[in-house]
Amino acid sequence: MKIWFKVWKENKLKNDTTIEDFSDETRTHKIMNALDEACLKFDLSRPIWLDKTISDFKKNADCRFYVENFIDEIDFDYLEMQVIEEDPWL
């Protein structure tokens, strides 16, 4: 699985990273581990999965974490997470 994380501010891409995980973990564990790794790389607290975030992710395999998803203050508009490659054996 490959997940692309992008930090957006004022409609401009400010930072991005791609996290790869082809381990035997469950899909959910891979997503959560990738989110943790991206947050560590961007020096962010882990965002909260609100109902809208979960719904968007289930529909599209991508979602956005806005200011209301974070406990700490953020200096960007949103963090976007997008699955760009699923494991071939799933």
N, C-alpha and C. Protein backbone atom coordinates (compact mmCIF):
# COMPACT_ATOMS: atom_id res chain seq x y z
N MET A 1 0.85 -1.18 0.00
CA MET A 1 0.00 0.00 0.00
C MET A 1 0.89 1.24 0.00
N LYS A 2 0.51 2.20 -0.82
CA LYS A 2 1.19 3.50 -0.84
C LYS A 2 0.14 4.57 -0.53
N ILE A 3 0.50 5.45 0.38
CA ILE A 3 -0.40 6.54 0.76
C ILE A 3 0.36 7.85 0.61
N TRP A 4 -0.28 8.80 -0.06
CA TRP A 4 0.32 10.11 -0.32
C TRP A 4 -0.32 11.11 0.64
N PHE A 5 0.51 11.82 1.37
CA PHE A 5 0.08 12.86 2.31
C PHE A 5 0.52 14.21 1.77
N LYS A 6 -0.39 15.18 1.78
CA LYS A 6 -0.08 16.50 1.25
C LYS A 6 -0.58 17.57 2.22
N VAL A 7 0.26 18.54 2.48
CA VAL A 7 -0.10 19.68 3.31
C VAL A 7 -0.40 20.86 2.39
N TRP A 8 -1.61 21.42 2.51
CA TRP A 8 -2.07 22.52 1.66
C TRP A 8 -2.28 23.79 2.47
N LYS A 9 -1.86 24.90 1.90
CA LYS A 9 -2.11 26.22 2.48
C LYS A 9 -2.37 27.20 1.35
N GLU A 10 -3.50 27.87 1.42
CA GLU A 10 -3.90 28.86 0.41
C GLU A 10 -3.82 28.28 -1.00
N ASN A 11 -4.37 27.08 -1.15
CA ASN A 11 -4.44 26.37 -2.43
C ASN A 11 -3.07 26.06 -3.05
N LYS A 12 -2.05 25.99 -2.22
CA LYS A 12 -0.71 25.64 -2.69
C LYS A 12 -0.20 24.46 -1.89
N LEU A 13 0.42 23.53 -2.59
CA LEU A 13 1.03 22.38 -1.94
C LEU A 13 2.29 22.85 -1.21
N LYS A 14 2.30 22.69 0.11
CA LYS A 14 3.43 23.17 0.91
C LYS A 14 4.42 22.05 1.25
N ASN A 15 3.91 20.83 1.37
CA ASN A 15 4.77 19.72 1.75
C ASN A 15 4.05 18.43 1.38
N ASP A 16 4.80 17.40 1.05
CA ASP A 16 4.17 16.11 0.79
C ASP A 16 5.14 14.98 1.07
N THR A 17 4.59 13.80 1.25
CA THR A 17 5.39 12.60 1.45
C THR A 17 4.53 11.40 1.06
N THR A 18 5.20 10.36 0.62
CA THR A 18 4.53 9.10 0.31
C THR A 18 5.06 8.04 1.27
N ILE A 19 4.13 7.34 1.90
CA ILE A 19 4.48 6.28 2.84
C ILE A 19 4.10 4.95 2.19
N GLU A 20 5.02 4.01 2.19
CA GLU A 20 4.78 2.68 1.64
C GLU A 20 4.76 1.66 2.77
N ASP A 21 3.82 0.73 2.68
CA ASP A 21 3.72 -0.35 3.66
C ASP A 21 3.15 -1.58 2.97
N PHE A 22 4.00 -2.54 2.67
CA PHE A 22 3.57 -3.78 2.04
C PHE A 22 3.72 -4.95 3.02
N SER A 23 3.55 -4.65 4.30
CA SER A 23 3.65 -5.68 5.33
C SER A 23 2.37 -6.53 5.35
N ASP A 24 2.31 -7.47 6.27
CA ASP A 24 1.14 -8.35 6.42
C ASP A 24 0.10 -7.76 7.37
N GLU A 25 0.27 -6.53 7.78
CA GLU A 25 -0.70 -5.88 8.67
C GLU A 25 -2.05 -5.72 7.96
N THR A 26 -3.08 -5.47 8.73
CA THR A 26 -4.39 -5.20 8.14
C THR A 26 -4.36 -3.84 7.45
N ARG A 27 -5.32 -3.61 6.57
CA ARG A 27 -5.41 -2.34 5.85
C ARG A 27 -5.53 -1.18 6.84
N THR A 28 -6.36 -1.35 7.85
CA THR A 28 -6.55 -0.30 8.85
C THR A 28 -5.26 0.01 9.58
N HIS A 29 -4.52 -1.02 9.97
CA HIS A 29 -3.24 -0.79 10.66
C HIS A 29 -2.25 -0.07 9.76
N LYS A 30 -2.23 -0.43 8.48
CA LYS A 30 -1.32 0.23 7.54
C LYS A 30 -1.66 1.71 7.40
N ILE A 31 -2.94 2.01 7.33
CA ILE A 31 -3.38 3.40 7.20
C ILE A 31 -3.01 4.19 8.45
N MET A 32 -3.29 3.64 9.61
CA MET A 32 -2.98 4.34 10.86
C MET A 32 -1.47 4.50 11.06
N ASN A 33 -0.72 3.48 10.74
CA ASN A 33 0.75 3.57 10.86
C ASN A 33 1.31 4.61 9.90
N ALA A 34 0.77 4.66 8.68
CA ALA A 34 1.23 5.65 7.70
C ALA A 34 0.89 7.06 8.17
N LEU A 35 -0.31 7.23 8.72
CA LEU A 35 -0.71 8.55 9.24
C LEU A 35 0.23 8.97 10.36
N ASP A 36 0.55 8.05 11.26
CA ASP A 36 1.48 8.36 12.35
C ASP A 36 2.85 8.77 11.80
N GLU A 37 3.32 8.03 10.81
CA GLU A 37 4.64 8.33 10.22
C GLU A 37 4.65 9.69 9.53
N ALA A 38 3.58 10.00 8.79
CA ALA A 38 3.49 11.29 8.12
C ALA A 38 3.42 12.43 9.14
N CYS A 39 2.66 12.24 10.18
CA CYS A 39 2.55 13.29 11.22
C CYS A 39 3.90 13.51 11.90
N LEU A 40 4.63 12.45 12.12
CA LEU A 40 5.97 12.58 12.70
C LEU A 40 6.88 13.36 11.75
N LYS A 41 6.80 13.04 10.47
CA LYS A 41 7.62 13.72 9.47
C LYS A 41 7.27 15.21 9.36
N PHE A 42 5.97 15.53 9.46
CA PHE A 42 5.51 16.92 9.36
C PHE A 42 5.47 17.62 10.71
N ASP A 43 5.86 16.94 11.77
CA ASP A 43 5.84 17.47 13.13
C ASP A 43 4.42 17.93 13.53
N LEU A 44 3.46 17.02 13.37
CA LEU A 44 2.06 17.29 13.69
C LEU A 44 1.57 16.30 14.74
N SER A 45 0.57 16.73 15.49
CA SER A 45 -0.11 15.77 16.34
C SER A 45 -1.02 14.93 15.46
N ARG A 46 -1.36 13.76 15.92
CA ARG A 46 -2.23 12.88 15.13
C ARG A 46 -3.63 13.49 15.07
N PRO A 47 -4.21 13.61 13.87
CA PRO A 47 -5.55 14.18 13.76
C PRO A 47 -6.63 13.20 14.24
N ILE A 48 -7.78 13.76 14.55
CA ILE A 48 -8.93 12.98 15.00
C ILE A 48 -9.77 12.63 13.78
N TRP A 49 -10.21 11.39 13.71
CA TRP A 49 -11.08 10.93 12.62
C TRP A 49 -12.52 11.29 12.96
N LEU A 50 -13.03 12.35 12.36
CA LEU A 50 -14.42 12.73 12.56
C LEU A 50 -15.30 11.92 11.59
N ASP A 51 -16.61 11.91 11.84
CA ASP A 51 -17.52 11.12 11.00
C ASP A 51 -17.38 11.47 9.52
N LYS A 52 -17.26 12.75 9.20
CA LYS A 52 -17.12 13.19 7.81
C LYS A 52 -15.81 12.66 7.21
N THR A 53 -14.75 12.68 7.98
CA THR A 53 -13.46 12.19 7.52
C THR A 53 -13.55 10.70 7.19
N ILE A 54 -14.16 9.95 8.08
CA ILE A 54 -14.31 8.50 7.88
C ILE A 54 -15.16 8.22 6.65
N SER A 55 -16.26 8.94 6.52
CA SER A 55 -17.17 8.76 5.38
C SER A 55 -16.46 9.05 4.06
N ASP A 56 -15.72 10.15 4.00
CA ASP A 56 -14.98 10.50 2.78
C ASP A 56 -13.95 9.42 2.44
N PHE A 57 -13.25 8.94 3.46
CA PHE A 57 -12.21 7.94 3.22
C PHE A 57 -12.82 6.63 2.72
N LYS A 58 -13.94 6.24 3.29
CA LYS A 58 -14.59 5.00 2.86
C LYS A 58 -15.07 5.09 1.41
N LYS A 59 -15.54 6.25 1.00
CA LYS A 59 -16.06 6.44 -0.37
C LYS A 59 -14.95 6.53 -1.41
N ASN A 60 -13.90 7.27 -1.09
CA ASN A 60 -12.92 7.66 -2.11
C ASN A 60 -11.49 7.18 -1.87
N ALA A 61 -11.22 6.54 -0.74
CA ALA A 61 -9.85 6.17 -0.36
C ALA A 61 -8.96 7.40 -0.22
N ASP A 62 -9.60 8.55 0.07
CA ASP A 62 -8.85 9.75 0.42
C ASP A 62 -9.70 10.62 1.34
N CYS A 63 -9.05 11.53 2.03
CA CYS A 63 -9.76 12.42 2.94
C CYS A 63 -8.87 13.62 3.27
N ARG A 64 -9.51 14.60 3.92
CA ARG A 64 -8.79 15.80 4.35
C ARG A 64 -9.00 16.00 5.84
N PHE A 65 -7.92 16.33 6.51
CA PHE A 65 -7.97 16.66 7.93
C PHE A 65 -7.83 18.17 8.06
N TYR A 66 -8.90 18.81 8.51
CA TYR A 66 -8.95 20.27 8.67
C TYR A 66 -8.61 20.66 10.11
N VAL A 67 -8.66 21.94 10.39
CA VAL A 67 -8.32 22.46 11.72
C VAL A 67 -9.13 21.76 12.82
N GLU A 68 -10.40 21.44 12.54
CA GLU A 68 -11.23 20.80 13.56
C GLU A 68 -10.82 19.36 13.85
N ASN A 69 -9.97 18.78 13.01
CA ASN A 69 -9.47 17.43 13.24
C ASN A 69 -8.25 17.40 14.16
N PHE A 70 -7.68 18.56 14.42
CA PHE A 70 -6.46 18.63 15.23
C PHE A 70 -6.74 19.27 16.58
N ILE A 71 -6.11 18.75 17.60
CA ILE A 71 -6.20 19.35 18.93
C ILE A 71 -5.27 20.55 19.00
N ASP A 72 -4.08 20.40 18.45
CA ASP A 72 -3.10 21.49 18.41
C ASP A 72 -3.42 22.45 17.27
N GLU A 73 -2.90 23.64 17.39
CA GLU A 73 -3.06 24.64 16.33
C GLU A 73 -2.22 24.24 15.12
N ILE A 74 -2.76 24.46 13.93
CA ILE A 74 -2.02 24.14 12.71
C ILE A 74 -1.82 25.42 11.90
N ASP A 75 -0.75 25.44 11.09
CA ASP A 75 -0.45 26.64 10.29
C ASP A 75 -0.66 26.38 8.80
N PHE A 76 -1.61 25.53 8.48
CA PHE A 76 -1.96 25.23 7.10
C PHE A 76 -3.47 25.03 7.03
N ASP A 77 -4.00 24.87 5.83
CA ASP A 77 -5.46 24.73 5.67
C ASP A 77 -5.95 23.31 5.93
N TYR A 78 -5.23 22.33 5.38
CA TYR A 78 -5.61 20.95 5.63
C TYR A 78 -4.50 19.98 5.24
N LEU A 79 -4.58 18.80 5.81
CA LEU A 79 -3.70 17.69 5.48
C LEU A 79 -4.54 16.69 4.67
N GLU A 80 -4.09 16.40 3.48
CA GLU A 80 -4.81 15.46 2.61
C GLU A 80 -4.11 14.11 2.64
N MET A 81 -4.91 13.05 2.69
CA MET A 81 -4.38 11.69 2.69
C MET A 81 -5.06 10.93 1.55
N GLN A 82 -4.27 10.30 0.69
CA GLN A 82 -4.83 9.61 -0.47
C GLN A 82 -4.11 8.28 -0.69
N VAL A 83 -4.87 7.19 -0.73
CA VAL A 83 -4.30 5.90 -1.06
C VAL A 83 -4.05 5.89 -2.57
N ILE A 84 -2.80 5.70 -2.97
CA ILE A 84 -2.48 5.72 -4.40
C ILE A 84 -2.18 4.34 -4.94
N GLU A 85 -1.97 3.37 -4.06
CA GLU A 85 -1.76 1.99 -4.50
C GLU A 85 -2.16 1.04 -3.39
N GLU A 86 -3.03 0.11 -3.72
CA GLU A 86 -3.44 -0.92 -2.76
C GLU A 86 -2.52 -2.12 -2.94
N ASP A 87 -2.50 -2.98 -1.95
CA ASP A 87 -1.71 -4.21 -2.04
C ASP A 87 -2.26 -5.07 -3.18
N PRO A 88 -1.39 -5.61 -4.02
CA PRO A 88 -1.86 -6.35 -5.19
C PRO A 88 -2.62 -7.64 -4.85
N TRP A 89 -2.39 -8.21 -3.68
CA TRP A 89 -3.04 -9.47 -3.33
C TRP A 89 -4.39 -9.27 -2.64
N LEU A 90 -4.84 -8.05 -2.45
CA LEU A 90 -6.14 -7.82 -1.82
C LEU A 90 -7.24 -7.74 -2.84
